[in-house]
């Protein structure tokens, strides 16, 4: 039996070479799940880490009854790791947070307060603690994405999100989808809401993003999304006798 079914809320944490962060991740997620607004568990998705992250995940999960993991020996990227976690989740709601903990797990409760009315509730990084150049890259990519998708979201890169599991499992999947969650939820008739959340500088490990994959990826993916959106099949059944 899938153990996430015993919980109301599953927190998906993709992990790629984050061994320096894992002790803090364990402490903060254990503290949050003990008092979360909904009965919560944690699902780590090891995305082909080449450091000691996988063994640390196994040790962490052995210490906590509500911590679980999936692992792939190959590195597939963030979108695939998220999709693997989404597909494995059987709780009513799921959340997403990065293993670098530049957002605070306690802020999940700010998003969960609105999840009954919105199929996707996503954070906006208030007082963002990144370099000016990194903020510029993100602002440019978000602006271009909005012009192409019409989703009106202001910070799709915020690594703190809550969503309905059945809607998350329904959206079309492609590499780079993590940049398009609001637009993808709209595609399946979902509603989204943005809420300000806290943001912190990275304290350990190394960012996996740089200028090339921050700008090239969104530009190419926007073209792919436009193509898919124009061809996406919408229909409903008015009557049947099956």
Protein backbone atom coordinates (compact mmCIF):
# COMPACT_ATOMS: atom_id res chain seq x y z
CA UNK A 1 0.00 0.00 0.00
CA UNK A 2 1.20 3.51 -0.83
CA UNK A 3 1.87 5.10 2.56
CA UNK A 4 1.11 8.65 1.37
CA UNK A 5 -2.56 7.63 1.28
CA UNK A 6 -2.56 7.81 5.09
CA UNK A 7 -1.86 11.57 4.97
CA UNK A 8 -3.74 14.68 3.83
CA UNK A 9 -0.64 16.45 2.51
CA UNK A 10 2.54 15.10 0.91
CA UNK A 11 5.57 17.40 0.62
CA UNK A 12 7.70 16.54 -2.43
CA UNK A 13 11.40 17.42 -2.09
CA UNK A 14 13.55 16.84 -5.21
CA UNK A 15 17.18 16.20 -4.26
CA UNK A 16 20.23 16.43 -6.49
CA UNK A 17 23.65 16.58 -4.80
CA UNK A 18 22.43 18.33 -1.65
CA UNK A 19 24.31 16.35 1.03
CA UNK A 20 25.42 19.56 2.78
CA UNK A 21 21.78 20.60 3.23
CA UNK A 22 20.24 17.31 4.33
CA UNK A 23 20.71 17.71 8.09
CA UNK A 24 18.92 21.07 8.05
CA UNK A 25 16.23 19.69 5.71
CA UNK A 26 15.55 16.85 8.14
CA UNK A 27 15.33 19.16 11.15
CA UNK A 28 13.07 21.77 9.55
CA UNK A 29 10.70 19.34 7.84
CA UNK A 30 10.41 17.18 10.95
CA UNK A 31 9.59 20.26 13.02
CA UNK A 32 7.01 21.48 10.49
CA UNK A 33 5.21 18.17 9.90
CA UNK A 34 4.80 17.73 13.66
CA UNK A 35 2.54 20.81 13.75
CA UNK A 36 1.35 21.28 10.14
CA UNK A 37 -2.17 22.50 9.42
CA UNK A 38 -2.90 19.16 7.72
CA UNK A 39 -1.56 15.68 8.50
CA UNK A 40 1.66 15.75 6.48
CA UNK A 41 4.38 13.46 5.21
CA UNK A 42 7.56 14.06 3.20
CA UNK A 43 8.50 12.38 -0.09
CA UNK A 44 12.12 12.87 -1.17
CA UNK A 45 12.91 12.26 -4.84
CA UNK A 46 16.61 11.56 -5.36
CA UNK A 47 17.38 12.65 -8.92
CA UNK A 48 20.59 10.75 -9.63
CA UNK A 49 22.74 12.38 -6.95
CA UNK A 50 26.42 11.53 -7.29
CA UNK A 51 27.36 12.60 -3.74
CA UNK A 52 26.18 11.07 -0.47
CA UNK A 53 22.61 12.40 -0.67
CA UNK A 54 20.91 9.04 -1.27
CA UNK A 55 22.40 7.34 1.77
CA UNK A 56 21.56 10.37 3.89
CA UNK A 57 17.95 10.20 2.62
CA UNK A 58 17.72 6.53 3.55
CA UNK A 59 19.05 7.28 7.03
CA UNK A 60 16.64 10.21 7.47
CA UNK A 61 13.63 8.15 6.37
CA UNK A 62 14.62 5.38 8.79
CA UNK A 63 14.39 7.90 11.64
CA UNK A 64 10.93 9.28 10.74
CA UNK A 65 7.77 7.24 10.15
CA UNK A 66 6.30 9.95 7.90
CA UNK A 67 9.38 10.43 5.66
CA UNK A 68 9.66 8.43 2.41
CA UNK A 69 11.89 8.44 -0.66
CA UNK A 70 12.07 7.56 -4.35
CA UNK A 71 15.40 7.27 -6.11
CA UNK A 72 16.68 7.21 -9.68
CA UNK A 73 20.27 6.37 -10.58
CA UNK A 74 20.14 8.90 -13.44
CA UNK A 75 19.79 12.67 -13.28
CA UNK A 76 16.64 13.62 -15.22
CA UNK A 77 16.12 17.22 -14.08
CA UNK A 78 13.75 19.08 -11.79
CA UNK A 79 10.56 18.67 -13.82
CA UNK A 80 10.97 14.90 -14.06
CA UNK A 81 11.77 14.61 -10.35
CA UNK A 82 8.64 16.61 -9.53
CA UNK A 83 6.53 14.50 -11.88
CA UNK A 84 7.84 11.27 -10.32
CA UNK A 85 6.83 12.56 -6.89
CA UNK A 86 3.43 13.73 -8.15
CA UNK A 87 2.69 10.37 -9.76
CA UNK A 88 3.65 8.53 -6.56
CA UNK A 89 1.45 10.66 -4.28
CA UNK A 90 -1.96 9.46 -3.08
CA UNK A 91 -2.80 12.11 -0.47
CA UNK A 92 -5.48 14.64 -1.39
CA UNK A 93 -2.99 17.52 -1.49
CA UNK A 94 0.68 17.77 -2.30
CA UNK A 95 3.32 20.44 -1.87
CA UNK A 96 6.72 21.19 -3.32
CA UNK A 97 9.81 22.70 -1.73
CA UNK A 98 13.47 22.79 -2.80
CA UNK A 99 16.09 20.97 -0.75
CA UNK A 100 18.14 24.18 -0.48
CA UNK A 101 15.43 25.54 1.87
CA UNK A 102 15.50 29.07 0.52
CA UNK A 103 11.84 29.04 1.51
CA UNK A 104 10.42 28.14 4.92
CA UNK A 105 8.33 24.94 5.34
CA UNK A 106 6.19 26.75 7.92
CA UNK A 107 4.88 28.96 5.10
CA UNK A 108 3.09 25.93 3.65
CA UNK A 109 0.35 26.75 6.16
CA UNK A 110 -0.14 30.16 4.47
CA UNK A 111 -0.81 28.34 1.20
CA UNK A 112 -2.87 25.52 2.73
CA UNK A 113 -5.28 28.11 4.13
CA UNK A 114 -6.50 28.71 0.54
CA UNK A 115 -6.17 25.25 -1.00
CA UNK A 116 -9.87 24.39 -0.63
CA UNK A 117 -10.74 27.17 -3.10
CA UNK A 118 -7.74 26.99 -5.47
CA UNK A 119 -6.28 23.93 -7.14
CA UNK A 120 -2.82 25.56 -7.09
CA UNK A 121 -1.53 27.96 -4.45
CA UNK A 122 2.00 29.17 -5.08
CA UNK A 123 4.36 31.43 -3.20
CA UNK A 124 5.80 34.75 -4.26
CA UNK A 125 9.30 35.33 -2.89
CA UNK A 126 8.95 38.47 -0.76
CA UNK A 127 12.17 40.45 -0.21
CA UNK A 128 14.00 37.97 -2.42
CA UNK A 129 17.52 37.18 -1.16
CA UNK A 130 19.23 36.63 -4.53
CA UNK A 131 21.79 38.70 -6.41
CA UNK A 132 20.60 41.57 -8.60
CA UNK A 133 21.68 39.70 -11.73
CA UNK A 134 19.80 36.56 -10.70
CA UNK A 135 16.68 38.66 -10.02
CA UNK A 136 17.03 40.23 -13.49
CA UNK A 137 17.24 36.80 -15.14
CA UNK A 138 14.11 35.67 -13.31
CA UNK A 139 12.20 38.89 -14.04
CA UNK A 140 13.02 38.67 -17.75
CA UNK A 141 12.06 34.99 -17.97
CA UNK A 142 8.79 35.54 -16.05
CA UNK A 143 7.84 38.50 -18.21
CA UNK A 144 8.45 36.60 -21.42
CA UNK A 145 6.51 33.61 -20.12
CA UNK A 146 3.49 35.73 -19.16
CA UNK A 147 3.43 37.32 -22.63
CA UNK A 148 3.42 33.87 -24.21
CA UNK A 149 1.03 32.01 -21.89
CA UNK A 150 -1.28 34.71 -20.51
CA UNK A 151 -1.24 33.11 -17.05
CA UNK A 152 -0.63 36.41 -15.12
CA UNK A 153 1.60 34.61 -12.55
CA UNK A 154 4.43 36.79 -11.24
CA UNK A 155 6.89 34.27 -9.75
CA UNK A 156 6.56 30.75 -11.18
CA UNK A 157 10.09 29.96 -9.98
CA UNK A 158 9.16 30.22 -6.30
CA UNK A 159 10.05 26.83 -4.78
CA UNK A 160 7.02 26.64 -2.49
CA UNK A 161 3.73 25.37 -3.89
CA UNK A 162 0.59 23.49 -2.82
CA UNK A 163 -1.79 21.77 -5.22
CA UNK A 164 -4.60 19.27 -5.53
CA UNK A 165 -3.05 15.90 -6.30
CA UNK A 166 -5.68 14.85 -8.84
CA UNK A 167 -5.20 18.07 -10.82
CA UNK A 168 -1.41 17.81 -10.65
CA UNK A 169 -1.63 14.26 -12.02
CA UNK A 170 -3.92 15.45 -14.82
CA UNK A 171 -1.76 18.20 -16.31
CA UNK A 172 0.28 17.37 -19.45
CA UNK A 173 3.89 16.58 -18.68
CA UNK A 174 7.00 17.85 -20.45
CA UNK A 175 10.54 18.80 -19.46
CA UNK A 176 10.50 22.33 -18.03
CA UNK A 177 6.90 22.04 -16.77
CA UNK A 178 7.85 23.45 -13.35
CA UNK A 179 7.99 26.90 -15.00
CA UNK A 180 4.42 26.60 -16.30
CA UNK A 181 2.35 25.22 -13.45
CA UNK A 182 -0.17 28.14 -13.32
CA UNK A 183 -0.70 27.97 -17.09
CA UNK A 184 -0.93 24.17 -17.02
CA UNK A 185 -3.49 24.22 -14.21
CA UNK A 186 -5.54 26.74 -16.19
CA UNK A 187 -5.37 24.33 -19.13
CA UNK A 188 -7.24 21.70 -17.07
CA UNK A 189 -9.72 24.29 -15.69
CA UNK A 190 -7.92 24.80 -12.40
CA UNK A 191 -7.59 28.09 -10.52
CA UNK A 192 -4.40 29.42 -8.97
CA UNK A 193 -3.53 31.94 -6.28
CA UNK A 194 -0.21 33.55 -5.34
CA UNK A 195 0.73 34.36 -1.74
CA UNK A 196 3.85 36.16 -0.41
CA UNK A 197 6.26 33.84 1.43
CA UNK A 198 9.63 34.31 3.09
CA UNK A 199 12.84 33.85 1.11
CA UNK A 200 16.39 33.24 2.32
CA UNK A 201 19.86 33.07 0.75
CA UNK A 202 21.28 29.60 0.07
CA UNK A 203 23.45 28.58 3.03
CA UNK A 204 24.99 25.34 1.71
CA UNK A 205 25.48 23.46 -1.53
CA UNK A 206 25.63 24.91 -5.03
CA UNK A 207 22.84 26.28 -7.21
CA UNK A 208 22.08 24.11 -10.24
CA UNK A 209 20.99 27.12 -12.32
CA UNK A 210 23.03 29.64 -14.31
CA UNK A 211 22.42 32.23 -17.01
CA UNK A 212 22.14 29.73 -19.88
CA UNK A 213 19.56 27.40 -18.34
CA UNK A 214 17.64 30.28 -16.74
CA UNK A 215 17.09 32.05 -20.06
CA UNK A 216 17.41 29.45 -22.83
CA UNK A 217 15.10 26.93 -21.14
CA UNK A 218 12.15 29.29 -20.59
CA UNK A 219 12.42 30.72 -24.11
CA UNK A 220 12.35 27.31 -25.77
CA UNK A 221 9.73 25.93 -23.39
CA UNK A 222 7.39 28.87 -24.02
CA UNK A 223 7.35 27.98 -27.71
CA UNK A 224 6.60 24.35 -26.83
CA UNK A 225 3.80 25.39 -24.49
CA UNK A 226 2.18 27.61 -27.13
CA UNK A 227 2.24 24.71 -29.59
CA UNK A 228 0.75 22.31 -27.04
CA UNK A 229 -1.91 24.75 -25.83
CA UNK A 230 -3.24 25.26 -29.36
CA UNK A 231 -3.60 21.51 -29.80
CA UNK A 232 -4.72 20.48 -26.32
CA UNK A 233 -7.98 18.48 -26.41
CA UNK A 234 -10.91 19.82 -24.34
CA UNK A 235 -14.21 17.97 -24.25
CA UNK A 236 -17.08 16.98 -21.98
CA UNK A 237 -19.70 14.24 -22.17
CA UNK A 238 -23.35 15.32 -21.94
CA UNK A 239 -24.91 11.85 -21.93
CA UNK A 240 -23.86 8.22 -22.01
CA UNK A 241 -25.13 4.68 -21.56
CA UNK A 242 -22.09 2.55 -20.75
